[in-house]
């Protein structure tokens, strides 16, 4: 019991130091560092392709389900809830900015989904979406995961920008919790991208390279999100909900369907529950 108390105290001190350090640097730089970290974790997950040649389909579906659970929990605990808290007014007036932002975020990803050529991980070659193209299957797979990562990077950047502006409901602890949650789900996601590429005949290095490149968009989106809310504070509630709507659209339209095409649907659901619990615990515990 005494040892556990010491460990908890040390962990709390470390986390407080991290929160304090992030709060003292430029919020755009903080967003860039945080999203670069999530990108590197994706690369770490993709690097497992050097150790394994194949992956059981049940494990892949479980990983994708876990990713979906993280994203759904983050959408509420880290984004929608703060968006509503910082909005002025009461009743319907108070929820209005969050509702508009949420809808716009979903519409934004819907538009990208229709325009950006991509192929989901568990789908056949003839099931590619977006504008018809002659791009190689490898490129289409990477573009699909890149589409997943845009709202993740945007969410981190927006939350750091909101915390820097001292908006009610937005804290550096919450931004760091979101970063950790996204990083945790990026690890299996990196592996989930690299392994199908390896299985389709790509070399280990090529599979790793494309796997980690799928998350390069996160630092870009993170910086854009942070800059937008810092210089346009009035859009903060809308921006947080925008990121939430974008993530929910990705989960419902892409992540969940990818897990429901084989006999391991229960594994995917359990992975989803696990991911949701992890993100909820992180956000409430750190926030």
Protein backbone atom coordinates (compact mmCIF):
# COMPACT_ATOMS: atom_id res chain seq x y z
CA UNK A 1 0.00 0.00 0.00
CA UNK A 2 2.80 2.41 0.96
CA UNK A 3 4.69 1.62 -2.26
CA UNK A 4 1.56 2.20 -4.32
CA UNK A 5 1.08 5.61 -2.69
CA UNK A 6 4.65 6.56 -3.55
CA UNK A 7 4.17 5.48 -7.18
CA UNK A 8 0.94 7.46 -7.43
CA UNK A 9 2.61 10.54 -5.94
CA UNK A 10 5.55 10.30 -8.35
CA UNK A 11 3.18 9.90 -11.32
CA UNK A 12 1.14 12.91 -10.20
CA UNK A 13 4.30 15.02 -9.87
CA UNK A 14 5.50 14.00 -13.34
CA UNK A 15 2.14 14.77 -14.92
CA UNK A 16 1.94 18.13 -13.15
CA UNK A 17 5.42 19.02 -14.40
CA UNK A 18 4.40 18.11 -17.96
CA UNK A 19 1.22 20.17 -17.71
CA UNK A 20 3.16 23.14 -16.28
CA UNK A 21 5.80 22.93 -19.01
CA UNK A 22 3.21 22.86 -21.80
CA UNK A 23 1.35 25.80 -20.26
CA UNK A 24 4.51 27.94 -20.37
CA UNK A 25 5.38 27.49 -24.03
CA UNK A 26 3.70 28.93 -27.10
CA UNK A 27 0.40 27.07 -27.66
CA UNK A 28 1.11 26.59 -31.37
CA UNK A 29 4.45 25.01 -30.48
CA UNK A 30 2.68 22.91 -27.83
CA UNK A 31 0.20 21.67 -30.44
CA UNK A 32 3.04 20.92 -32.87
CA UNK A 33 5.00 18.95 -30.26
CA UNK A 34 1.92 17.04 -29.11
CA UNK A 35 0.86 16.03 -32.62
CA UNK A 36 4.44 15.20 -33.58
CA UNK A 37 4.43 12.83 -30.62
CA UNK A 38 1.24 11.14 -31.86
CA UNK A 39 2.82 10.85 -35.30
CA UNK A 40 5.93 9.20 -33.86
CA UNK A 41 3.79 6.72 -31.94
CA UNK A 42 2.13 5.82 -35.24
CA UNK A 43 5.59 5.22 -36.67
CA UNK A 44 6.44 3.04 -33.67
CA UNK A 45 3.35 0.93 -34.32
CA UNK A 46 4.17 0.67 -38.02
CA UNK A 47 7.71 -0.48 -37.15
CA UNK A 48 6.26 -3.78 -35.87
CA UNK A 49 6.09 -4.80 -39.51
CA UNK A 50 9.83 -5.51 -39.22
CA UNK A 51 9.08 -8.13 -36.56
CA UNK A 52 5.93 -9.76 -37.90
CA UNK A 53 4.96 -10.89 -41.39
CA UNK A 54 1.23 -11.27 -40.81
CA UNK A 55 -1.50 -10.36 -38.34
CA UNK A 56 -4.55 -12.31 -37.27
CA UNK A 57 -7.74 -10.75 -38.63
CA UNK A 58 -9.32 -10.78 -35.16
CA UNK A 59 -6.43 -8.72 -33.79
CA UNK A 60 -6.79 -6.22 -36.62
CA UNK A 61 -10.53 -5.83 -35.99
CA UNK A 62 -9.90 -5.47 -32.26
CA UNK A 63 -7.32 -2.74 -32.91
CA UNK A 64 -9.67 -0.86 -35.19
CA UNK A 65 -12.47 -1.16 -32.63
CA UNK A 66 -10.14 0.19 -29.95
CA UNK A 67 -9.35 3.14 -32.22
CA UNK A 68 -13.04 3.86 -32.66
CA UNK A 69 -13.67 3.75 -28.91
CA UNK A 70 -10.88 6.25 -28.23
CA UNK A 71 -12.22 8.61 -30.88
CA UNK A 72 -15.83 8.50 -29.68
CA UNK A 73 -14.88 9.05 -26.02
CA UNK A 74 -12.52 11.88 -26.96
CA UNK A 75 -15.26 13.50 -29.03
CA UNK A 76 -17.45 13.88 -25.96
CA UNK A 77 -15.15 14.19 -22.95
CA UNK A 78 -12.43 16.31 -24.60
CA UNK A 79 -14.35 18.28 -27.22
CA UNK A 80 -18.15 18.46 -27.04
CA UNK A 81 -18.37 18.86 -23.26
CA UNK A 82 -15.86 21.78 -23.15
CA UNK A 83 -17.56 23.32 -26.20
CA UNK A 84 -20.89 23.40 -24.39
CA UNK A 85 -19.35 24.61 -21.13
CA UNK A 86 -17.65 27.62 -22.71
CA UNK A 87 -20.69 28.67 -24.76
CA UNK A 88 -22.70 31.63 -23.39
CA UNK A 89 -26.40 31.53 -22.56
CA UNK A 90 -28.65 28.81 -21.21
CA UNK A 91 -30.72 25.94 -22.60
CA UNK A 92 -30.98 25.75 -26.38
CA UNK A 93 -28.88 28.90 -26.78
CA UNK A 94 -25.97 27.35 -24.90
CA UNK A 95 -25.87 24.19 -27.00
CA UNK A 96 -26.31 26.03 -30.32
CA UNK A 97 -22.57 26.61 -31.10
CA UNK A 98 -21.72 22.99 -30.32
CA UNK A 99 -24.56 21.74 -32.52
CA UNK A 100 -23.49 23.91 -35.46
CA UNK A 101 -19.81 23.05 -35.10
CA UNK A 102 -20.56 19.34 -34.79
CA UNK A 103 -22.65 19.36 -37.97
CA UNK A 104 -20.04 21.35 -39.91
CA UNK A 105 -17.27 18.96 -38.84
CA UNK A 106 -19.23 15.96 -40.07
CA UNK A 107 -20.08 17.72 -43.36
CA UNK A 108 -16.41 18.64 -43.85
CA UNK A 109 -15.23 15.02 -43.59
CA UNK A 110 -18.22 13.91 -45.68
CA UNK A 111 -16.98 16.21 -48.44
CA UNK A 112 -13.42 14.91 -48.18
CA UNK A 113 -14.73 11.35 -48.18
CA UNK A 114 -16.48 11.97 -51.47
CA UNK A 115 -13.54 13.75 -53.09
CA UNK A 116 -10.41 12.03 -51.72
CA UNK A 117 -9.74 8.68 -53.41
CA UNK A 118 -9.16 6.03 -50.73
CA UNK A 119 -9.61 2.38 -49.85
CA UNK A 120 -10.49 1.08 -46.39
CA UNK A 121 -8.24 -1.54 -44.82
CA UNK A 122 -10.57 -4.54 -45.00
CA UNK A 123 -12.22 -3.64 -48.31
CA UNK A 124 -11.65 -5.18 -51.76
CA UNK A 125 -9.81 -3.35 -54.53
CA UNK A 126 -13.05 -2.57 -56.38
CA UNK A 127 -14.57 -0.88 -53.29
CA UNK A 128 -12.45 2.26 -53.32
CA UNK A 129 -14.27 5.50 -52.54
CA UNK A 130 -13.96 9.10 -53.64
CA UNK A 131 -13.04 10.33 -57.10
CA UNK A 132 -12.13 7.44 -59.41
CA UNK A 133 -8.39 7.17 -59.94
CA UNK A 134 -5.66 4.83 -61.13
CA UNK A 135 -3.68 5.23 -57.92
CA UNK A 136 -2.09 2.07 -56.53
CA UNK A 137 -3.88 0.18 -53.75
CA UNK A 138 -1.06 1.08 -51.34
CA UNK A 139 -1.63 4.79 -51.88
CA UNK A 140 -5.39 4.40 -51.48
CA UNK A 141 -4.95 2.58 -48.16
CA UNK A 142 -2.69 5.32 -46.83
CA UNK A 143 -5.10 8.04 -47.95
CA UNK A 144 -7.90 6.29 -46.03
CA UNK A 145 -5.96 6.42 -42.75
CA UNK A 146 -4.82 9.97 -43.52
CA UNK A 147 -8.50 10.88 -43.64
CA UNK A 148 -8.86 9.35 -40.14
CA UNK A 149 -5.99 11.44 -38.79
CA UNK A 150 -7.09 14.90 -39.92
CA UNK A 151 -9.73 15.35 -37.17
CA UNK A 152 -7.39 13.85 -34.56
CA UNK A 153 -4.64 16.40 -35.19
CA UNK A 154 -7.21 19.19 -35.47
CA UNK A 155 -8.75 18.23 -32.12
CA UNK A 156 -5.42 18.36 -30.30
CA UNK A 157 -4.50 21.72 -31.81
CA UNK A 158 -7.88 23.28 -31.07
CA UNK A 159 -7.82 22.11 -27.45
CA UNK A 160 -4.32 23.51 -26.84
CA UNK A 161 -5.41 26.80 -28.37
CA UNK A 162 -8.54 26.86 -26.20
CA UNK A 163 -6.51 26.12 -23.06
CA UNK A 164 -4.08 28.94 -23.91
CA UNK A 165 -7.02 31.35 -24.14
CA UNK A 166 -8.19 30.29 -20.67
CA UNK A 167 -11.61 29.28 -21.90
CA UNK A 168 -13.88 27.58 -19.38
CA UNK A 169 -13.87 23.80 -19.75
CA UNK A 170 -10.60 23.73 -21.74
CA UNK A 171 -7.40 22.91 -19.83
CA UNK A 172 -3.86 21.87 -20.62
CA UNK A 173 -4.50 18.71 -18.61
CA UNK A 174 -7.40 17.92 -20.93
CA UNK A 175 -5.28 18.64 -24.01
CA UNK A 176 -2.54 16.34 -22.74
CA UNK A 177 -5.09 13.64 -21.89
CA UNK A 178 -6.41 13.86 -25.46
CA UNK A 179 -2.85 13.67 -26.82
CA UNK A 180 -2.12 10.55 -24.78
CA UNK A 181 -5.40 8.96 -25.85
CA UNK A 182 -4.79 9.67 -29.54
CA UNK A 183 -1.21 8.40 -29.21
CA UNK A 184 -2.40 5.15 -27.60
CA UNK A 185 -4.79 4.46 -30.45
CA UNK A 186 -2.22 5.54 -33.06
CA UNK A 187 0.11 2.70 -32.06
CA UNK A 188 -2.19 -0.13 -33.20
CA UNK A 189 -3.38 2.05 -36.08
CA UNK A 190 0.16 2.32 -37.43
CA UNK A 191 0.48 -1.46 -37.27
CA UNK A 192 -2.97 -1.87 -38.82
CA UNK A 193 -1.90 0.21 -41.81
CA UNK A 194 1.56 -1.29 -42.33
CA UNK A 195 0.57 -4.95 -42.00
CA UNK A 196 -2.03 -5.07 -44.83
CA UNK A 197 0.51 -3.38 -47.08
CA UNK A 198 3.08 -6.03 -46.18
CA UNK A 199 0.51 -8.77 -46.76
CA UNK A 200 -0.30 -7.35 -50.20
CA UNK A 201 3.33 -7.75 -51.27
CA UNK A 202 5.04 -4.49 -50.27
CA UNK A 203 8.50 -4.69 -48.73
CA UNK A 204 8.92 -4.29 -44.97
CA UNK A 205 10.48 -0.85 -45.33
CA UNK A 206 7.85 0.34 -47.81
CA UNK A 207 5.09 -0.94 -45.52
CA UNK A 208 6.63 0.90 -42.57
CA UNK A 209 7.18 4.08 -44.57
CA UNK A 210 3.61 4.33 -45.78
CA UNK A 211 2.30 3.29 -42.36
CA UNK A 212 4.00 6.17 -40.57
CA UNK A 213 3.33 8.64 -43.36
CA UNK A 214 -0.41 8.17 -42.82
CA UNK A 215 -0.09 10.28 -39.64
CA UNK A 216 2.08 13.09 -41.07
CA UNK A 217 -1.10 15.12 -41.47
CA UNK A 218 -1.63 15.28 -37.68
CA UNK A 219 1.05 17.94 -36.95
CA UNK A 220 -0.22 19.99 -39.89
CA UNK A 221 -3.83 19.83 -38.73
CA UNK A 222 -2.74 20.45 -35.12
CA UNK A 223 -0.95 23.69 -35.98
CA UNK A 224 -3.87 24.88 -38.14
CA UNK A 225 -6.32 24.18 -35.31
CA UNK A 226 -4.24 25.98 -32.69
CA UNK A 227 -3.61 29.04 -34.86
CA UNK A 228 -7.28 29.30 -35.82
CA UNK A 229 -8.63 29.39 -32.27
CA UNK A 230 -5.86 31.62 -30.89
CA UNK A 231 -6.50 34.38 -33.42
CA UNK A 232 -10.25 33.88 -33.68
CA UNK A 233 -11.35 33.24 -30.10
CA UNK A 234 -15.03 33.61 -30.94
CA UNK A 235 -14.96 30.35 -32.94
CA UNK A 236 -13.63 28.26 -30.04
CA UNK A 237 -16.88 26.44 -29.14
CA UNK A 238 -17.56 25.85 -32.82
CA UNK A 239 -13.99 24.60 -33.46
CA UNK A 240 -14.06 22.08 -30.61
CA UNK A 241 -17.41 20.69 -31.75
CA UNK A 242 -16.18 20.75 -35.38
CA UNK A 243 -13.35 18.37 -34.46
CA UNK A 244 -15.82 16.16 -32.57
CA UNK A 245 -18.20 15.96 -35.53
CA UNK A 246 -15.33 15.11 -37.85
CA UNK A 247 -14.15 12.29 -35.59
CA UNK A 248 -17.61 10.81 -35.09
CA UNK A 249 -18.19 10.79 -38.86
CA UNK A 250 -14.91 8.92 -39.39
CA UNK A 251 -15.80 6.33 -36.73
CA UNK A 252 -19.32 5.64 -37.98
CA UNK A 253 -18.65 5.84 -41.71
CA UNK A 254 -15.22 4.20 -41.86
CA UNK A 255 -13.79 2.62 -38.71
CA UNK A 256 -16.82 0.59 -37.60
CA UNK A 257 -17.67 -0.77 -41.08
CA UNK A 258 -14.06 -1.94 -41.44
CA UNK A 259 -14.51 -4.15 -38.35
CA UNK A 260 -17.81 -5.71 -39.41
CA UNK A 261 -16.74 -7.63 -42.52
CA UNK A 262 -15.59 -10.87 -40.89
CA UNK A 263 -16.46 -13.18 -37.99
CA UNK A 264 -14.63 -11.12 -35.35
CA UNK A 265 -17.28 -8.48 -34.82
CA UNK A 266 -17.49 -9.24 -31.08
CA UNK A 267 -13.75 -8.72 -30.75
CA UNK A 268 -14.12 -5.35 -32.46
CA UNK A 269 -16.95 -4.35 -30.11
CA UNK A 270 -14.90 -5.33 -27.04
CA UNK A 271 -11.99 -3.34 -28.48
CA UNK A 272 -14.32 -0.36 -28.90
CA UNK A 273 -15.46 -0.61 -25.26
CA UNK A 274 -11.86 -0.86 -24.12
CA UNK A 275 -10.83 2.20 -26.12
CA UNK A 276 -13.76 4.21 -24.80
CA UNK A 277 -12.91 3.30 -21.19
CA UNK A 278 -9.23 4.19 -21.62
CA UNK A 279 -10.03 7.63 -23.05
CA UNK A 280 -12.72 8.34 -20.45
CA UNK A 281 -10.38 7.40 -17.60
CA UNK A 282 -7.56 9.50 -19.04
CA UNK A 283 -9.71 12.57 -19.58
CA UNK A 284 -11.47 12.49 -16.21
CA UNK A 285 -8.37 11.37 -14.32
CA UNK A 286 -6.05 14.01 -15.75
CA UNK A 287 -8.65 16.73 -16.28
